[in-house]
Amino acid sequence: MNARRPGPAPSLTVDGIAAAGIALADRGGLDAVTMRSVAAALGTSAPALYRYVASREELVGHMVDGVTAELRHPPPSGDGTGDLVAVAEQQLALHRAHRWLAAASAVPVPLGPRVLDHLEWGIRVLAPLGAPDAAVMEAIALANGAAALFAAGGPPAGAELFRHLDVDRHPGLAALLATAAPAPPSESSDDLFRRVLTGMLAAALDPGRG
């Protein structure tokens, strides 16, 4: 009688494979994630992984979905912009913890269920603002993009940010900066992120825009 073949190891699930990929990327960046390296981390062969994920690109998509599960979405408070900024602060922390996330998010694969959950939440909290549908999607993308930018280091602070400004070439920007309120001297990077994102979202979600 033939011996019964053992089933797959418990870690050989889509979530388990994604978790192994996340651990590798956290240590060595996205380039460290290959089907071979993930298989080695799980003590199996690359061909065995293809029963669960069809390609490295699909694996990366599952990794993005896996870290997105770390976000906590509060019930709508009635302040849609404030709610979005609060979760964007979590996204900032997420991008800082997983430096590969911005590059992975650009991989062209279908969005996972947790990413779709995030989009659904954003649409729900922003709905009372009455902004156009396109503006709502733009605002959600803007929050994630700002988190990725600031996690990567963000723009230089203070006057250094505008050291290439030429009054003759950029008269409108020069005039705006001349009348703008200066940032508080003790403002932290996180405070700047919150202030800049709040202003950008207010403009993006203005129902009268365009």
N, C-alpha and C. Protein backbone atom coordinates (compact mmCIF):
# COMPACT_ATOMS: atom_id res chain seq x y z
N MET A 1 0.84 -1.17 0.00
CA MET A 1 0.00 0.00 0.00
C MET A 1 0.89 1.24 0.00
N ASN A 2 0.56 2.21 -0.85
CA ASN A 2 1.34 3.43 -0.91
C ASN A 2 1.16 4.25 0.36
N ALA A 3 2.26 4.81 0.81
CA ALA A 3 2.18 5.70 1.98
C ALA A 3 1.45 6.98 1.59
N ARG A 4 0.67 7.48 2.51
CA ARG A 4 -0.07 8.71 2.24
C ARG A 4 0.90 9.89 2.19
N ARG A 5 0.79 10.69 1.13
CA ARG A 5 1.68 11.84 0.98
C ARG A 5 1.25 12.94 1.96
N PRO A 6 2.22 13.54 2.63
CA PRO A 6 1.86 14.60 3.58
C PRO A 6 1.28 15.79 2.85
N GLY A 7 0.40 16.52 3.52
CA GLY A 7 -0.16 17.74 2.94
C GLY A 7 0.84 18.86 3.00
N PRO A 8 0.46 20.01 2.47
CA PRO A 8 1.38 21.14 2.46
C PRO A 8 1.68 21.62 3.88
N ALA A 9 2.87 22.17 4.04
CA ALA A 9 3.24 22.74 5.33
C ALA A 9 2.27 23.86 5.68
N PRO A 10 2.00 24.06 6.97
CA PRO A 10 1.04 25.10 7.36
C PRO A 10 1.37 26.47 6.80
N SER A 11 2.68 26.77 6.62
CA SER A 11 3.08 28.09 6.13
C SER A 11 2.81 28.25 4.64
N LEU A 12 2.55 27.14 3.95
CA LEU A 12 2.29 27.23 2.51
C LEU A 12 0.82 27.55 2.26
N THR A 13 0.50 28.77 2.57
CA THR A 13 -0.78 29.39 2.25
C THR A 13 -0.46 30.72 1.61
N VAL A 14 -1.43 31.33 0.99
CA VAL A 14 -1.17 32.64 0.39
C VAL A 14 -0.68 33.62 1.45
N ASP A 15 -1.35 33.66 2.60
CA ASP A 15 -0.94 34.58 3.66
C ASP A 15 0.44 34.25 4.20
N GLY A 16 0.73 32.96 4.34
CA GLY A 16 2.04 32.56 4.84
C GLY A 16 3.16 32.91 3.88
N ILE A 17 2.91 32.71 2.59
CA ILE A 17 3.90 33.06 1.58
C ILE A 17 4.11 34.57 1.55
N ALA A 18 3.01 35.32 1.63
CA ALA A 18 3.12 36.78 1.66
C ALA A 18 3.91 37.24 2.88
N ALA A 19 3.67 36.62 4.03
CA ALA A 19 4.37 37.00 5.25
C ALA A 19 5.87 36.76 5.11
N ALA A 20 6.25 35.66 4.47
CA ALA A 20 7.67 35.40 4.23
C ALA A 20 8.26 36.45 3.31
N GLY A 21 7.50 36.85 2.29
CA GLY A 21 7.97 37.89 1.39
C GLY A 21 8.12 39.22 2.11
N ILE A 22 7.18 39.54 2.99
CA ILE A 22 7.25 40.79 3.76
C ILE A 22 8.51 40.80 4.63
N ALA A 23 8.79 39.69 5.29
CA ALA A 23 9.97 39.61 6.16
C ALA A 23 11.25 39.82 5.35
N LEU A 24 11.32 39.21 4.17
CA LEU A 24 12.50 39.38 3.32
C LEU A 24 12.63 40.82 2.85
N ALA A 25 11.52 41.43 2.44
CA ALA A 25 11.56 42.80 1.95
C ALA A 25 11.92 43.78 3.07
N ASP A 26 11.43 43.53 4.28
CA ASP A 26 11.76 44.40 5.40
C ASP A 26 13.26 44.38 5.69
N ARG A 27 13.89 43.23 5.46
CA ARG A 27 15.33 43.12 5.73
C ARG A 27 16.17 43.62 4.56
N GLY A 28 15.77 43.26 3.32
CA GLY A 28 16.65 43.53 2.19
C GLY A 28 16.05 44.31 1.05
N GLY A 29 14.85 44.86 1.23
CA GLY A 29 14.22 45.60 0.15
C GLY A 29 13.46 44.68 -0.79
N LEU A 30 12.73 45.29 -1.72
CA LEU A 30 11.88 44.51 -2.61
C LEU A 30 12.69 43.60 -3.52
N ASP A 31 13.90 44.01 -3.89
CA ASP A 31 14.73 43.18 -4.77
C ASP A 31 15.10 41.85 -4.12
N ALA A 32 15.02 41.79 -2.78
CA ALA A 32 15.35 40.55 -2.09
C ALA A 32 14.25 39.51 -2.22
N VAL A 33 13.10 39.92 -2.73
CA VAL A 33 11.96 39.01 -2.82
C VAL A 33 11.91 38.38 -4.21
N THR A 34 12.21 37.11 -4.26
CA THR A 34 12.05 36.30 -5.47
C THR A 34 11.31 35.04 -5.06
N MET A 35 10.79 34.35 -6.04
CA MET A 35 10.11 33.09 -5.72
C MET A 35 11.10 32.12 -5.07
N ARG A 36 12.34 32.15 -5.53
CA ARG A 36 13.35 31.25 -4.97
C ARG A 36 13.68 31.61 -3.52
N SER A 37 13.86 32.93 -3.24
CA SER A 37 14.23 33.33 -1.88
C SER A 37 13.09 33.09 -0.90
N VAL A 38 11.85 33.33 -1.34
CA VAL A 38 10.71 33.08 -0.46
C VAL A 38 10.57 31.58 -0.20
N ALA A 39 10.76 30.78 -1.23
CA ALA A 39 10.68 29.33 -1.05
C ALA A 39 11.74 28.86 -0.06
N ALA A 40 12.95 29.40 -0.20
CA ALA A 40 14.02 29.00 0.72
C ALA A 40 13.67 29.38 2.15
N ALA A 41 13.08 30.56 2.34
CA ALA A 41 12.69 30.98 3.68
C ALA A 41 11.63 30.08 4.29
N LEU A 42 10.82 29.47 3.42
CA LEU A 42 9.76 28.58 3.89
C LEU A 42 10.18 27.11 3.89
N GLY A 43 11.41 26.85 3.48
CA GLY A 43 11.90 25.48 3.48
C GLY A 43 11.26 24.62 2.42
N THR A 44 10.97 25.20 1.27
CA THR A 44 10.36 24.44 0.18
C THR A 44 11.00 24.87 -1.14
N SER A 45 10.42 24.47 -2.24
CA SER A 45 10.97 24.81 -3.55
C SER A 45 10.12 25.88 -4.22
N ALA A 46 10.74 26.62 -5.14
CA ALA A 46 10.00 27.65 -5.86
C ALA A 46 8.80 27.07 -6.61
N PRO A 47 8.93 25.91 -7.30
CA PRO A 47 7.76 25.37 -7.99
C PRO A 47 6.57 25.11 -7.07
N ALA A 48 6.86 24.79 -5.79
CA ALA A 48 5.75 24.53 -4.86
C ALA A 48 4.93 25.78 -4.60
N LEU A 49 5.57 26.95 -4.69
CA LEU A 49 4.84 28.20 -4.42
C LEU A 49 3.82 28.51 -5.51
N TYR A 50 4.09 28.02 -6.71
CA TYR A 50 3.20 28.37 -7.83
C TYR A 50 1.82 27.73 -7.70
N ARG A 51 1.65 26.83 -6.76
CA ARG A 51 0.31 26.31 -6.47
C ARG A 51 -0.55 27.37 -5.79
N TYR A 52 0.11 28.38 -5.21
CA TYR A 52 -0.60 29.37 -4.42
C TYR A 52 -0.56 30.77 -5.03
N VAL A 53 0.57 31.12 -5.65
CA VAL A 53 0.69 32.42 -6.32
C VAL A 53 1.26 32.18 -7.72
N ALA A 54 0.69 32.87 -8.69
CA ALA A 54 1.03 32.58 -10.08
C ALA A 54 2.33 33.22 -10.52
N SER A 55 2.81 34.25 -9.82
CA SER A 55 4.00 34.97 -10.26
C SER A 55 4.55 35.80 -9.11
N ARG A 56 5.76 36.30 -9.30
CA ARG A 56 6.32 37.20 -8.30
C ARG A 56 5.46 38.44 -8.17
N GLU A 57 4.94 38.95 -9.28
CA GLU A 57 4.11 40.15 -9.24
C GLU A 57 2.87 39.92 -8.36
N GLU A 58 2.26 38.75 -8.53
CA GLU A 58 1.10 38.44 -7.70
C GLU A 58 1.50 38.34 -6.23
N LEU A 59 2.67 37.77 -5.98
CA LEU A 59 3.17 37.68 -4.60
C LEU A 59 3.32 39.08 -3.99
N VAL A 60 3.90 40.00 -4.76
CA VAL A 60 4.08 41.36 -4.26
C VAL A 60 2.72 42.00 -3.95
N GLY A 61 1.73 41.74 -4.79
CA GLY A 61 0.39 42.24 -4.53
C GLY A 61 -0.15 41.72 -3.21
N HIS A 62 0.08 40.44 -2.93
CA HIS A 62 -0.37 39.88 -1.65
C HIS A 62 0.40 40.49 -0.47
N MET A 63 1.66 40.83 -0.69
CA MET A 63 2.45 41.48 0.36
C MET A 63 1.87 42.85 0.70
N VAL A 64 1.54 43.62 -0.34
CA VAL A 64 0.93 44.94 -0.11
C VAL A 64 -0.37 44.78 0.65
N ASP A 65 -1.17 43.80 0.25
CA ASP A 65 -2.44 43.57 0.92
C ASP A 65 -2.21 43.17 2.37
N GLY A 66 -1.16 42.39 2.60
CA GLY A 66 -0.87 41.93 3.96
C GLY A 66 -0.52 43.07 4.90
N VAL A 67 0.32 44.00 4.46
CA VAL A 67 0.69 45.10 5.36
C VAL A 67 -0.47 46.10 5.49
N THR A 68 -1.31 46.20 4.45
CA THR A 68 -2.46 47.09 4.54
C THR A 68 -3.40 46.64 5.65
N ALA A 69 -3.39 45.36 5.97
CA ALA A 69 -4.22 44.85 7.06
C ALA A 69 -3.84 45.45 8.41
N GLU A 70 -2.65 46.05 8.51
CA GLU A 70 -2.23 46.68 9.76
C GLU A 70 -2.97 47.99 10.03
N LEU A 71 -3.58 48.59 9.01
CA LEU A 71 -4.31 49.85 9.19
C LEU A 71 -5.58 49.60 10.00
N ARG A 72 -5.91 50.54 10.86
CA ARG A 72 -7.15 50.49 11.62
C ARG A 72 -8.03 51.66 11.18
N HIS A 73 -9.21 51.34 10.69
CA HIS A 73 -10.10 52.36 10.15
C HIS A 73 -11.21 52.67 11.15
N PRO A 74 -11.19 53.86 11.74
CA PRO A 74 -12.23 54.20 12.73
C PRO A 74 -13.57 54.42 12.06
N PRO A 75 -14.66 54.31 12.81
CA PRO A 75 -15.97 54.65 12.24
C PRO A 75 -15.98 56.12 11.83
N PRO A 76 -16.76 56.47 10.82
CA PRO A 76 -16.83 57.87 10.39
C PRO A 76 -17.20 58.78 11.55
N SER A 77 -16.46 59.88 11.71
CA SER A 77 -16.71 60.82 12.81
C SER A 77 -17.57 61.99 12.38
N GLY A 78 -17.78 62.14 11.08
CA GLY A 78 -18.44 63.31 10.55
C GLY A 78 -17.47 64.32 9.98
N ASP A 79 -16.19 64.17 10.32
CA ASP A 79 -15.12 65.00 9.76
C ASP A 79 -14.33 64.13 8.80
N GLY A 80 -14.80 64.07 7.55
CA GLY A 80 -14.19 63.16 6.59
C GLY A 80 -12.72 63.43 6.35
N THR A 81 -12.35 64.70 6.20
CA THR A 81 -10.94 65.03 5.98
C THR A 81 -10.11 64.65 7.19
N GLY A 82 -10.62 64.93 8.39
CA GLY A 82 -9.89 64.56 9.59
C GLY A 82 -9.71 63.06 9.72
N ASP A 83 -10.75 62.30 9.39
CA ASP A 83 -10.66 60.85 9.43
C ASP A 83 -9.59 60.35 8.47
N LEU A 84 -9.58 60.92 7.25
CA LEU A 84 -8.61 60.47 6.24
C LEU A 84 -7.20 60.81 6.68
N VAL A 85 -7.00 61.99 7.27
CA VAL A 85 -5.67 62.37 7.75
C VAL A 85 -5.22 61.45 8.87
N ALA A 86 -6.14 61.07 9.77
CA ALA A 86 -5.78 60.19 10.88
C ALA A 86 -5.29 58.84 10.37
N VAL A 87 -5.96 58.29 9.36
CA VAL A 87 -5.51 57.01 8.81
C VAL A 87 -4.25 57.21 7.98
N ALA A 88 -4.12 58.36 7.33
CA ALA A 88 -2.90 58.65 6.58
C ALA A 88 -1.68 58.68 7.51
N GLU A 89 -1.87 59.12 8.74
CA GLU A 89 -0.77 59.08 9.70
C GLU A 89 -0.37 57.63 9.99
N GLN A 90 -1.35 56.74 10.04
CA GLN A 90 -1.03 55.32 10.15
C GLN A 90 -0.27 54.85 8.91
N GLN A 91 -0.70 55.33 7.73
CA GLN A 91 -0.01 54.94 6.50
C GLN A 91 1.43 55.43 6.50
N LEU A 92 1.67 56.62 7.06
CA LEU A 92 3.03 57.13 7.18
C LEU A 92 3.88 56.17 8.00
N ALA A 93 3.33 55.73 9.14
CA ALA A 93 4.05 54.77 9.98
C ALA A 93 4.26 53.45 9.24
N LEU A 94 3.27 53.05 8.44
CA LEU A 94 3.37 51.80 7.69
C LEU A 94 4.49 51.88 6.65
N HIS A 95 4.57 53.02 5.96
CA HIS A 95 5.63 53.19 4.96
C HIS A 95 7.00 53.27 5.62
N ARG A 96 7.07 53.82 6.82
CA ARG A 96 8.35 53.87 7.52
C ARG A 96 8.79 52.48 7.97
N ALA A 97 7.81 51.66 8.35
CA ALA A 97 8.13 50.30 8.81
C ALA A 97 8.46 49.37 7.65
N HIS A 98 7.85 49.65 6.49
CA HIS A 98 8.04 48.79 5.30
C HIS A 98 8.49 49.68 4.14
N ARG A 99 9.77 49.96 4.07
CA ARG A 99 10.31 50.94 3.13
C ARG A 99 10.08 50.54 1.67
N TRP A 100 9.82 49.30 1.42
CA TRP A 100 9.60 48.78 0.07
C TRP A 100 8.17 49.00 -0.41
N LEU A 101 7.30 49.47 0.46
CA LEU A 101 5.86 49.49 0.17
C LEU A 101 5.52 50.39 -1.01
N ALA A 102 6.15 51.56 -1.11
CA ALA A 102 5.82 52.48 -2.20
C ALA A 102 6.11 51.83 -3.55
N ALA A 103 7.27 51.20 -3.69
CA ALA A 103 7.61 50.55 -4.95
C ALA A 103 6.69 49.37 -5.22
N ALA A 104 6.36 48.62 -4.18
CA ALA A 104 5.50 47.45 -4.35
C ALA A 104 4.09 47.86 -4.77
N SER A 105 3.63 48.99 -4.26
CA SER A 105 2.28 49.44 -4.58
C SER A 105 2.13 49.80 -6.05
N ALA A 106 3.26 50.05 -6.72
CA ALA A 106 3.22 50.42 -8.13
C ALA A 106 3.23 49.20 -9.05
N VAL A 107 3.40 48.00 -8.50
CA VAL A 107 3.40 46.79 -9.32
C VAL A 107 1.99 46.56 -9.87
N PRO A 108 1.86 46.39 -11.19
CA PRO A 108 0.52 46.28 -11.80
C PRO A 108 -0.14 44.93 -11.58
N VAL A 109 -0.80 44.80 -10.45
CA VAL A 109 -1.57 43.58 -10.14
C VAL A 109 -2.93 44.01 -9.58
N PRO A 110 -3.92 43.14 -9.63
CA PRO A 110 -5.23 43.49 -9.05
C PRO A 110 -5.10 43.83 -7.57
N LEU A 111 -5.90 44.79 -7.12
CA LEU A 111 -5.87 45.19 -5.71
C LEU A 111 -6.44 44.08 -4.84
N GLY A 112 -5.81 43.86 -3.70
CA GLY A 112 -6.25 42.83 -2.77
C GLY A 112 -7.45 43.29 -1.95
N PRO A 113 -8.07 42.37 -1.22
CA PRO A 113 -9.29 42.70 -0.47
C PRO A 113 -9.08 43.74 0.62
N ARG A 114 -7.90 43.75 1.28
CA ARG A 114 -7.68 44.75 2.32
C ARG A 114 -7.45 46.12 1.74
N VAL A 115 -6.79 46.19 0.58
CA VAL A 115 -6.64 47.48 -0.10
C VAL A 115 -8.00 48.00 -0.54
N LEU A 116 -8.85 47.10 -1.05
CA LEU A 116 -10.20 47.49 -1.44
C LEU A 116 -11.02 47.93 -0.23
N ASP A 117 -10.81 47.26 0.92
CA ASP A 117 -11.48 47.69 2.15
C ASP A 117 -11.10 49.13 2.50
N HIS A 118 -9.81 49.46 2.32
CA HIS A 118 -9.34 50.82 2.62
C HIS A 118 -10.01 51.83 1.70
N LEU A 119 -10.11 51.51 0.42
CA LEU A 119 -10.76 52.42 -0.52
C LEU A 119 -12.24 52.59 -0.17
N GLU A 120 -12.89 51.49 0.18
CA GLU A 120 -14.31 51.55 0.54
C GLU A 120 -14.52 52.43 1.77
N TRP A 121 -13.64 52.29 2.76
CA TRP A 121 -13.74 53.13 3.96
C TRP A 121 -13.56 54.60 3.59
N GLY A 122 -12.57 54.90 2.74
CA GLY A 122 -12.33 56.28 2.36
C GLY A 122 -13.52 56.90 1.65
N ILE A 123 -14.13 56.13 0.76
CA ILE A 123 -15.32 56.63 0.06
C ILE A 123 -16.44 56.91 1.04
N ARG A 124 -16.60 56.04 2.03
CA ARG A 124 -17.69 56.19 3.00
C ARG A 124 -17.50 57.44 3.87
N VAL A 125 -16.27 57.67 4.35
CA VAL A 125 -16.07 58.81 5.26
C VAL A 125 -16.09 60.14 4.51
N LEU A 126 -15.74 60.11 3.21
CA LEU A 126 -15.70 61.36 2.45
C LEU A 126 -17.03 61.68 1.78
N ALA A 127 -17.94 60.72 1.73
CA ALA A 127 -19.21 60.92 1.02
C ALA A 127 -19.97 62.16 1.50
N PRO A 128 -20.04 62.45 2.81
CA PRO A 128 -20.82 63.62 3.25
C PRO A 128 -20.28 64.96 2.75
N LEU A 129 -19.04 64.99 2.26
CA LEU A 129 -18.47 66.25 1.81
C LEU A 129 -19.05 66.71 0.47
N GLY A 130 -19.68 65.78 -0.25
CA GLY A 130 -20.29 66.14 -1.52
C GLY A 130 -19.31 66.42 -2.63
N ALA A 131 -18.07 65.96 -2.50
CA ALA A 131 -17.08 66.16 -3.56
C ALA A 131 -17.37 65.22 -4.73
N PRO A 132 -16.94 65.58 -5.95
CA PRO A 132 -17.11 64.68 -7.09
C PRO A 132 -16.42 63.34 -6.85
N ASP A 133 -16.95 62.30 -7.46
CA ASP A 133 -16.38 60.96 -7.26
C ASP A 133 -14.90 60.92 -7.59
N ALA A 134 -14.51 61.57 -8.69
CA ALA A 134 -13.10 61.56 -9.09
C ALA A 134 -12.23 62.24 -8.04
N ALA A 135 -12.75 63.30 -7.43
CA ALA A 135 -12.00 64.00 -6.39
C ALA A 135 -11.83 63.14 -5.15
N VAL A 136 -12.84 62.35 -4.83
CA VAL A 136 -12.75 61.46 -3.67
C VAL A 136 -11.64 60.43 -3.89
N MET A 137 -11.61 59.80 -5.05
CA MET A 137 -10.56 58.82 -5.34
C MET A 137 -9.19 59.49 -5.36
N GLU A 138 -9.14 60.71 -5.89
CA GLU A 138 -7.88 61.46 -5.92
C GLU A 138 -7.40 61.75 -4.51
N ALA A 139 -8.31 62.10 -3.62
CA ALA A 139 -7.94 62.42 -2.24
C ALA A 139 -7.38 61.19 -1.52
N ILE A 140 -8.00 60.04 -1.74
CA ILE A 140 -7.52 58.81 -1.09
C ILE A 140 -6.12 58.47 -1.60
N ALA A 141 -5.92 58.61 -2.91
CA ALA A 141 -4.60 58.35 -3.48
C ALA A 141 -3.59 59.38 -2.99
N LEU A 142 -4.02 60.62 -2.85
CA LEU A 142 -3.15 61.69 -2.38
C LEU A 142 -2.64 61.41 -0.97
N ALA A 143 -3.51 60.92 -0.11
CA ALA A 143 -3.11 60.61 1.26
C ALA A 143 -2.03 59.53 1.28
N ASN A 144 -2.21 58.49 0.48
CA ASN A 144 -1.21 57.43 0.43
C ASN A 144 0.09 57.93 -0.17
N GLY A 145 -0.02 58.73 -1.23
CA GLY A 145 1.19 59.26 -1.86
C GLY A 145 1.97 60.17 -0.94
N ALA A 146 1.26 61.00 -0.18
CA ALA A 146 1.93 61.88 0.77
C ALA A 146 2.64 61.07 1.85
N ALA A 147 2.00 60.00 2.31
CA ALA A 147 2.63 59.14 3.32
C ALA A 147 3.91 58.53 2.77
N ALA A 148 3.86 58.06 1.53
CA ALA A 148 5.05 57.47 0.92
C ALA A 148 6.16 58.50 0.79
N LEU A 149 5.80 59.72 0.38
CA LEU A 149 6.79 60.78 0.19
C LEU A 149 7.46 61.16 1.51
N PHE A 150 6.66 61.39 2.54
CA PHE A 150 7.23 61.80 3.81
C PHE A 150 8.02 60.67 4.47
N ALA A 151 7.60 59.43 4.27
CA ALA A 151 8.34 58.30 4.82
C ALA A 151 9.71 58.17 4.18
N ALA A 152 9.80 58.57 2.92
CA ALA A 152 11.07 58.49 2.20
C ALA A 152 12.00 59.63 2.57
N GLY A 153 11.55 60.53 3.40
CA GLY A 153 12.37 61.64 3.82
C GLY A 153 11.67 62.95 3.67
N GLY A 154 10.71 63.02 2.73
CA GLY A 154 9.95 64.23 2.54
C GLY A 154 10.79 65.34 1.96
N PRO A 155 10.19 66.48 1.74
CA PRO A 155 10.92 67.61 1.17
C PRO A 155 11.81 68.26 2.20
N PRO A 156 12.86 68.98 1.77
CA PRO A 156 13.68 69.73 2.72
C PRO A 156 12.82 70.72 3.49
N ALA A 157 13.25 71.06 4.67
CA ALA A 157 12.46 71.96 5.51
C ALA A 157 12.84 73.41 5.26
N GLY A 158 11.90 74.29 5.55
CA GLY A 158 12.17 75.71 5.57
C GLY A 158 12.64 76.27 4.23
N ALA A 159 13.54 77.27 4.34
CA ALA A 159 14.00 77.98 3.15
C ALA A 159 14.72 77.06 2.17
N GLU A 160 15.30 75.98 2.67
CA GLU A 160 16.04 75.06 1.80
C GLU A 160 15.14 74.47 0.72
N LEU A 161 13.87 74.31 1.04
CA LEU A 161 12.93 73.74 0.08
C LEU A 161 12.82 74.60 -1.18
N PHE A 162 12.97 75.92 -1.01
CA PHE A 162 12.75 76.84 -2.12
C PHE A 162 14.04 77.57 -2.53
N ARG A 163 15.19 76.96 -2.32
CA ARG A 163 16.44 77.67 -2.59
C ARG A 163 16.68 77.92 -4.07
N HIS A 164 15.95 77.21 -4.95
CA HIS A 164 16.10 77.44 -6.39
C HIS A 164 15.03 78.39 -6.93
N LEU A 165 14.26 78.98 -6.04
CA LEU A 165 13.21 79.90 -6.46
C LEU A 165 13.81 81.16 -7.07
N ASP A 166 13.31 81.53 -8.24
CA ASP A 166 13.72 82.75 -8.94
C ASP A 166 12.49 83.66 -9.02
N VAL A 167 12.59 84.83 -8.41
CA VAL A 167 11.43 85.72 -8.35
C VAL A 167 10.93 86.10 -9.74
N ASP A 168 11.84 86.28 -10.70
CA ASP A 168 11.43 86.63 -12.05
C ASP A 168 10.79 85.45 -12.78
N ARG A 169 11.30 84.28 -12.52
CA ARG A 169 10.79 83.08 -13.20
C ARG A 169 9.55 82.53 -12.52
N HIS A 170 9.44 82.69 -11.21
CA HIS A 170 8.33 82.13 -10.44
C HIS A 170 7.64 83.24 -9.63
N PRO A 171 7.13 84.26 -10.28
CA PRO A 171 6.57 85.40 -9.53
C PRO A 171 5.35 85.04 -8.69
N GLY A 172 4.49 84.16 -9.21
CA GLY A 172 3.30 83.77 -8.46
C GLY A 172 3.65 83.04 -7.19
N LEU A 173 4.57 82.09 -7.28
CA LEU A 173 4.98 81.33 -6.11
C LEU A 173 5.69 82.23 -5.11
N ALA A 174 6.53 83.13 -5.61
CA ALA A 174 7.24 84.05 -4.72
C ALA A 174 6.26 84.93 -3.95
N ALA A 175 5.21 85.41 -4.62
CA ALA A 175 4.22 86.25 -3.96
C ALA A 175 3.45 85.46 -2.91
N LEU A 176 3.09 84.22 -3.25
CA LEU A 176 2.36 83.38 -2.30
C LEU A 176 3.19 83.13 -1.05
N LEU A 177 4.48 82.81 -1.24
CA LEU A 177 5.33 82.52 -0.10
C LEU A 177 5.57 83.76 0.76
N ALA A 178 5.55 84.92 0.13
CA ALA A 178 5.79 86.16 0.87
C ALA A 178 4.66 86.45 1.85
N THR A 179 3.47 85.99 1.55
CA THR A 179 2.31 86.27 2.40
C THR A 179 1.92 85.07 3.26
N ALA A 180 2.53 83.91 3.02
CA ALA A 180 2.15 82.71 3.77
C ALA A 180 2.65 82.78 5.20
N ALA A 181 1.86 82.20 6.10
CA ALA A 181 2.28 82.13 7.50
C ALA A 181 3.42 81.14 7.63
N PRO A 182 4.48 81.51 8.33
CA PRO A 182 5.62 80.59 8.49
C PRO A 182 5.24 79.40 9.36
N ALA A 183 5.91 78.29 9.12
CA ALA A 183 5.69 77.11 9.95
C ALA A 183 6.23 77.37 11.35
N PRO A 184 5.60 76.82 12.37
CA PRO A 184 6.14 76.97 13.72
C PRO A 184 7.56 76.44 13.79
N PRO A 185 8.47 77.10 14.51
CA PRO A 185 9.87 76.66 14.56
C PRO A 185 10.04 75.24 15.07
N SER A 186 9.15 74.83 15.98
CA SER A 186 9.30 73.50 16.58
C SER A 186 8.50 72.42 15.84
N GLU A 187 7.98 72.76 14.68
CA GLU A 187 7.13 71.80 13.97
C GLU A 187 7.92 70.55 13.58
N SER A 188 7.39 69.39 13.94
CA SER A 188 8.04 68.13 13.60
C SER A 188 7.65 67.69 12.20
N SER A 189 8.34 66.68 11.72
CA SER A 189 8.01 66.13 10.40
C SER A 189 6.58 65.62 10.37
N ASP A 190 6.14 64.99 11.47
CA ASP A 190 4.76 64.48 11.51
C ASP A 190 3.75 65.62 11.53
N ASP A 191 4.08 66.71 12.25
CA ASP A 191 3.19 67.86 12.26
C ASP A 191 3.09 68.47 10.86
N LEU A 192 4.24 68.56 10.18
CA LEU A 192 4.26 69.10 8.83
C LEU A 192 3.43 68.22 7.90
N PHE A 193 3.58 66.92 8.05
CA PHE A 193 2.79 65.99 7.23
C PHE A 193 1.30 66.24 7.42
N ARG A 194 0.88 66.36 8.67
CA ARG A 194 -0.54 66.56 8.97
C ARG A 194 -1.03 67.89 8.39
N ARG A 195 -0.23 68.94 8.55
CA ARG A 195 -0.65 70.27 8.10
C ARG A 195 -0.71 70.33 6.57
N VAL A 196 0.33 69.81 5.91
CA VAL A 196 0.38 69.86 4.45
C VAL A 196 -0.74 69.00 3.85
N LEU A 197 -0.92 67.79 4.38
CA LEU A 197 -1.93 66.90 3.82
C LEU A 197 -3.33 67.48 4.04
N THR A 198 -3.59 68.06 5.19
CA THR A 198 -4.91 68.65 5.44
C THR A 198 -5.21 69.74 4.42
N GLY A 199 -4.22 70.58 4.13
CA GLY A 199 -4.43 71.63 3.15
C GLY A 199 -4.64 71.08 1.75
N MET A 200 -3.88 70.08 1.38
CA MET A 200 -4.02 69.49 0.05
C MET A 200 -5.38 68.82 -0.12
N LEU A 201 -5.83 68.14 0.92
CA LEU A 201 -7.13 67.47 0.85
C LEU A 201 -8.26 68.48 0.77
N ALA A 202 -8.13 69.58 1.50
CA ALA A 202 -9.16 70.62 1.44
C ALA A 202 -9.32 71.13 0.03
N ALA A 203 -8.21 71.32 -0.67
CA ALA A 203 -8.28 71.79 -2.05
C ALA A 203 -8.82 70.72 -2.97
N ALA A 204 -8.38 69.48 -2.78
CA ALA A 204 -8.80 68.39 -3.67
C ALA A 204 -10.29 68.09 -3.54
N LEU A 205 -10.82 68.28 -2.33
CA LEU A 205 -12.21 67.89 -2.06
C LEU A 205 -13.19 69.06 -2.13
N ASP A 206 -12.73 70.20 -2.56
CA ASP A 206 -13.61 71.37 -2.68
C ASP A 206 -14.69 71.08 -3.73
N PRO A 207 -15.96 70.99 -3.34
CA PRO A 207 -17.01 70.66 -4.31
C PRO A 207 -17.10 71.66 -5.46
N GLY A 208 -16.64 72.89 -5.25
CA GLY A 208 -16.72 73.88 -6.31
C GLY A 208 -15.51 73.92 -7.21
N ARG A 209 -14.54 73.03 -6.94
CA ARG A 209 -13.33 73.04 -7.76
C ARG A 209 -13.66 72.68 -9.20
N GLY A 210 -13.11 73.43 -10.13
CA GLY A 210 -13.33 73.14 -11.56
C GLY A 210 -14.74 73.44 -11.98
